[in-house]
Every structure is written in C-alpha cells, then in structure tokens.
Amino acid sequence: GGQVIEVDPAISGFGAAPPDFSKVPKADLVLITDIHDDHLDPTNLAKVRKQGTTVVIPGAASSKVPDGVIMKNGETKKFGPWTIEAIPMYNLKNGPYHEKGRGNGYIVTYGGLRIYIAGDTEGIPEMRALKNIDVAFIPMILPYTMSPADAADAVKAFHPKVVYPYHYGQSDLKVFEAALKGTGIDVRIRNWY
C-alpha cells in the first residue's frame, strides 16, 4: 500500500559495516525486537523516522525510545492497515542472552498476509505453535539464538510457506536448506546479517 515498515534499524554485527539508513525510505511503522545494539540504535532509528512514524517497542526499550508504543508478549494491536502481534522471543538453552518477556518477535498481518519476524530466539514453544504463517524470518546464530539445524526443526513445526534466514552471521545456511528440502517450505537465502 505504499507504506514502509522497518525492523530493527541498527548497527550491523560481527564487523559488518552498518547500512546508510539516511538512504532508505522513511518508515511509517518501525518494529524494535530487543534492547541490544544490533536491534536498537537510537541514532539510526532517528534516520528512518518521519513525522508520524509509529515505533513499536518491548517495554525494556522504553528508556531508549521514550515515545515508543510498548507491546508486551501476547498483545495484539492495530496500526493503520497492519495488525501486529507481539510474540515471545527468548533462550531455552543457549545462554542467558534473551530472557523471556524482555523482547518481542512480531507477526505482521496485512491484507491477509501473515509475516513472522522471530527476533533473537530459539525454537520456543510459542514459535512452534504458530499457525498460518506465510513468510517467516528466522535467526540462527550461536551462541545467541540457535543452530541452523535447530532453526530448521523449529520451522518444520509451524511450516511457513516461505522462510528467510536472517541474523545468521557465519552460520552454515546449507545445513538449514538441506534440513528443509522436500518439506514444501520455500527457503530464500539473502546476503543479510
């Protein structure tokens, strides 16, 4: 509909140069998943905002984004043509990096299309229980989230039509692709952090 959603406009990690956010289209809606610098960078957030931009944040981000709209895990809100659901994101076994309730994954529904942006999470029960997901963005970077094999296992559980690995660093994406071969899930690889 000619509108722009930006997710986590922040620094790139693992030595990658950050994108030039002053050159991207200004956002109508920004979704922030977590408080870590690779998800929330106030300087770059300012570069993607325009008059009237809504910034959706987890409560833990309120000190960095005082005008943000807080969503708690499990909440659903409408913003213009979008319905946003805040989905938990947390670690089960891979370290204490992401505590349950601190950050959000999101489901964005627009015109019947359901897009899941997982945030920094493992294959948690809330992810595995998702239904009717058209497109999913799934992280796989150890030790912070999950391995490519664990990510593929989680994706099989909720079976999106299309999945994009993201936030993968140096992970072997061939392991992820091979594990999903023959499932009917369209795996799309892009050169993303």
Protein backbone atom coordinates (compact mmCIF):
# COMPACT_ATOMS: atom_id res chain seq x y z
CA GLY A 1 0.00 0.00 0.00
CA GLY A 2 2.92 2.38 -0.50
CA GLN A 3 3.84 2.29 3.18
CA VAL A 4 7.11 1.19 4.77
CA ILE A 5 7.86 -0.99 7.78
CA GLU A 6 11.41 -1.02 9.13
CA VAL A 7 12.55 -3.70 11.58
CA ASP A 8 15.48 -3.12 13.95
CA PRO A 9 17.27 -0.29 12.10
CA ALA A 10 20.54 -0.70 13.96
CA ILE A 11 24.22 -1.36 13.67
CA SER A 12 25.34 -4.49 11.86
CA GLY A 13 27.16 -7.04 13.93
CA PHE A 14 30.30 -9.10 13.64
CA GLY A 15 32.37 -6.39 12.00
CA ALA A 16 29.97 -5.65 9.14
CA ALA A 17 29.56 -2.01 8.20
CA PRO A 18 26.17 -0.58 9.12
CA PRO A 19 23.89 0.35 6.25
CA ASP A 20 23.37 4.01 5.47
CA PHE A 21 19.91 4.45 6.94
CA SER A 22 19.67 8.01 5.65
CA LYS A 23 19.22 6.47 2.15
CA VAL A 24 16.37 4.08 2.93
CA PRO A 25 12.71 5.09 2.59
CA LYS A 26 11.32 6.68 5.74
CA ALA A 27 9.18 4.29 7.75
CA ASP A 28 5.52 4.55 8.59
CA LEU A 29 5.99 1.85 11.22
CA VAL A 30 9.16 0.65 12.97
CA LEU A 31 9.31 -2.60 14.95
CA ILE A 32 12.06 -2.98 17.56
CA THR A 33 12.60 -6.53 18.80
CA ASP A 34 15.21 -6.13 21.55
CA ILE A 35 17.40 -3.74 23.53
CA HIS A 36 20.79 -4.95 22.22
CA ASP A 37 22.74 -2.59 19.93
CA ASP A 38 22.26 -4.84 16.89
CA HIS A 39 18.49 -4.29 17.21
CA LEU A 40 18.10 -0.86 18.76
CA ASP A 41 20.33 2.06 17.83
CA PRO A 42 18.68 5.41 18.58
CA THR A 43 20.85 7.25 16.03
CA ASN A 44 19.83 5.01 13.15
CA LEU A 45 16.26 4.82 14.39
CA ALA A 46 16.07 8.61 14.01
CA LYS A 47 17.26 8.32 10.40
CA VAL A 48 14.35 6.08 9.35
CA ARG A 49 11.63 8.08 11.11
CA LYS A 50 9.48 10.83 9.65
CA GLN A 51 6.61 12.90 11.03
CA GLY A 52 4.01 10.43 12.29
CA THR A 53 6.17 7.30 12.34
CA THR A 54 4.97 4.81 14.95
CA VAL A 55 7.73 2.88 16.76
CA VAL A 56 6.64 -0.35 18.44
CA ILE A 57 8.94 -1.50 21.23
CA PRO A 58 9.17 -4.02 24.03
CA GLY A 59 8.87 -2.36 27.45
CA ALA A 60 12.58 -2.84 28.14
CA ALA A 61 13.35 -0.38 25.33
CA SER A 62 11.32 2.49 26.79
CA SER A 63 14.36 4.36 28.15
CA LYS A 64 15.92 4.47 24.66
CA VAL A 65 12.66 5.18 22.82
CA PRO A 66 10.52 7.21 25.23
CA ASP A 67 7.83 7.88 22.59
CA GLY A 68 7.61 4.23 21.55
CA VAL A 69 4.39 2.23 21.73
CA ILE A 70 5.02 -0.60 24.17
CA MET A 71 3.77 -4.06 23.33
CA LYS A 72 4.05 -6.96 25.75
CA ASN A 73 4.38 -10.60 24.73
CA GLY A 74 0.93 -11.85 23.75
CA GLU A 75 -0.57 -8.44 22.90
CA THR A 76 -2.19 -7.58 19.56
CA LYS A 77 -2.64 -4.02 18.29
CA LYS A 78 -3.77 -2.35 15.07
CA PHE A 79 -1.69 0.38 13.45
CA GLY A 80 -3.39 1.68 10.34
CA PRO A 81 -3.69 -1.22 7.90
CA TRP A 82 -1.46 -3.53 9.96
CA THR A 83 -2.27 -5.88 12.79
CA ILE A 84 0.78 -6.52 14.97
CA GLU A 85 1.05 -9.43 17.41
CA ALA A 86 3.93 -9.45 19.93
CA ILE A 87 5.33 -12.97 20.17
CA PRO A 88 7.76 -14.02 22.91
CA MET A 89 11.44 -14.38 21.98
CA TYR A 90 13.92 -15.93 24.39
CA ASN A 91 16.60 -18.51 25.02
CA LEU A 92 15.79 -22.00 26.19
CA LYS A 93 19.30 -23.47 26.43
CA ASN A 94 21.78 -21.23 24.61
CA GLY A 95 22.90 -18.86 27.32
CA PRO A 96 21.19 -16.11 29.26
CA TYR A 97 21.24 -13.66 26.35
CA HIS A 98 17.49 -13.16 25.97
CA GLU A 99 15.16 -13.53 28.92
CA LYS A 100 11.51 -14.39 28.37
CA GLY A 101 9.36 -11.26 28.36
CA ARG A 102 12.14 -8.75 27.62
CA GLY A 103 11.92 -8.68 23.82
CA ASN A 104 9.36 -9.33 21.11
CA GLY A 105 9.10 -11.25 17.92
CA TYR A 106 6.23 -9.96 15.79
CA ILE A 107 3.56 -11.22 13.44
CA VAL A 108 2.60 -8.53 10.97
CA THR A 109 -0.73 -9.13 9.22
CA TYR A 110 -1.57 -7.03 6.20
CA GLY A 111 -4.32 -7.83 3.70
CA GLY A 112 -4.42 -11.45 4.84
CA LEU A 113 -0.64 -11.95 4.53
CA ARG A 114 0.97 -13.06 7.82
CA ILE A 115 4.69 -12.33 8.28
CA TYR A 116 6.58 -13.62 11.31
CA ILE A 117 9.74 -11.81 12.43
CA ALA A 118 11.20 -14.02 15.15
CA GLY A 119 13.68 -11.68 16.84
CA ASP A 120 16.52 -13.26 18.83
CA THR A 121 15.03 -16.54 19.90
CA GLU A 122 15.37 -20.27 19.89
CA GLY A 123 12.72 -22.70 18.68
CA ILE A 124 10.47 -21.91 21.63
CA PRO A 125 7.03 -23.47 22.13
CA GLU A 126 5.32 -20.20 21.14
CA MET A 127 7.08 -20.29 17.76
CA ARG A 128 6.32 -23.96 17.18
CA ALA A 129 2.62 -23.33 17.86
CA LEU A 130 2.23 -20.59 15.23
CA LYS A 131 -0.42 -21.12 12.56
CA ASN A 132 -0.99 -19.79 9.05
CA ILE A 133 2.35 -18.03 8.62
CA ASP A 134 3.05 -17.03 5.03
CA VAL A 135 6.58 -15.65 5.44
CA ALA A 136 8.98 -16.18 8.35
CA PHE A 137 12.28 -14.51 9.20
CA ILE A 138 14.29 -16.86 11.43
CA PRO A 139 17.61 -16.22 13.25
CA MET A 140 20.33 -18.83 13.58
CA ILE A 141 23.49 -17.67 15.21
CA LEU A 142 25.21 -19.39 18.08
CA PRO A 143 25.51 -18.86 20.94
CA TYR A 144 22.79 -16.18 20.88
CA THR A 145 19.87 -17.95 19.19
CA MET A 146 20.01 -21.42 17.63
CA SER A 147 21.94 -23.53 15.17
CA PRO A 148 20.80 -23.93 11.55
CA ALA A 149 19.66 -27.50 12.33
CA ASP A 150 17.64 -26.35 15.36
CA ALA A 151 16.17 -23.49 13.32
CA ALA A 152 15.07 -25.91 10.58
CA ASP A 153 13.48 -28.17 13.19
CA ALA A 154 11.51 -25.24 14.61
CA VAL A 155 10.43 -24.07 11.15
CA LYS A 156 9.13 -27.56 10.32
CA ALA A 157 6.86 -27.35 13.37
CA PHE A 158 4.93 -24.29 12.16
CA HIS A 159 5.50 -24.75 8.42
CA PRO A 160 5.50 -21.26 6.87
CA LYS A 161 5.15 -21.04 3.10
CA VAL A 162 8.41 -19.05 2.76
CA VAL A 163 11.33 -18.72 5.18
CA TYR A 164 14.25 -16.30 5.14
CA PRO A 165 17.22 -16.94 7.43
CA TYR A 166 18.47 -13.69 8.92
CA HIS A 167 20.74 -12.70 11.79
CA TYR A 168 22.89 -15.68 10.86
CA GLY A 169 26.48 -14.36 10.90
CA GLN A 170 28.80 -17.16 9.76
CA SER A 171 26.25 -19.97 10.21
CA ASP A 172 26.21 -22.69 7.53
CA LEU A 173 22.96 -21.99 5.70
CA LYS A 174 23.38 -25.16 3.60
CA VAL A 175 22.56 -27.15 6.75
CA PHE A 176 19.32 -25.18 7.11
CA GLU A 177 18.41 -25.59 3.43
CA ALA A 178 19.17 -29.32 3.41
CA ALA A 179 17.08 -29.94 6.53
CA LEU A 180 14.05 -28.28 4.89
CA LYS A 181 14.43 -29.93 1.50
CA GLY A 182 11.27 -31.78 0.49
CA THR A 183 9.06 -30.07 3.10
CA GLY A 184 7.38 -27.72 0.64
CA ILE A 185 8.79 -24.71 2.52
CA ASP A 186 10.39 -22.22 0.12
CA VAL A 187 13.80 -21.33 1.61
CA ARG A 188 15.11 -17.98 0.36
CA ILE A 189 18.69 -17.02 1.10
CA ARG A 190 19.78 -13.39 1.01
CA ASN A 191 23.07 -11.73 1.94
CA TRP A 192 21.86 -10.40 5.30
CA TYR A 193 23.44 -10.09 8.71
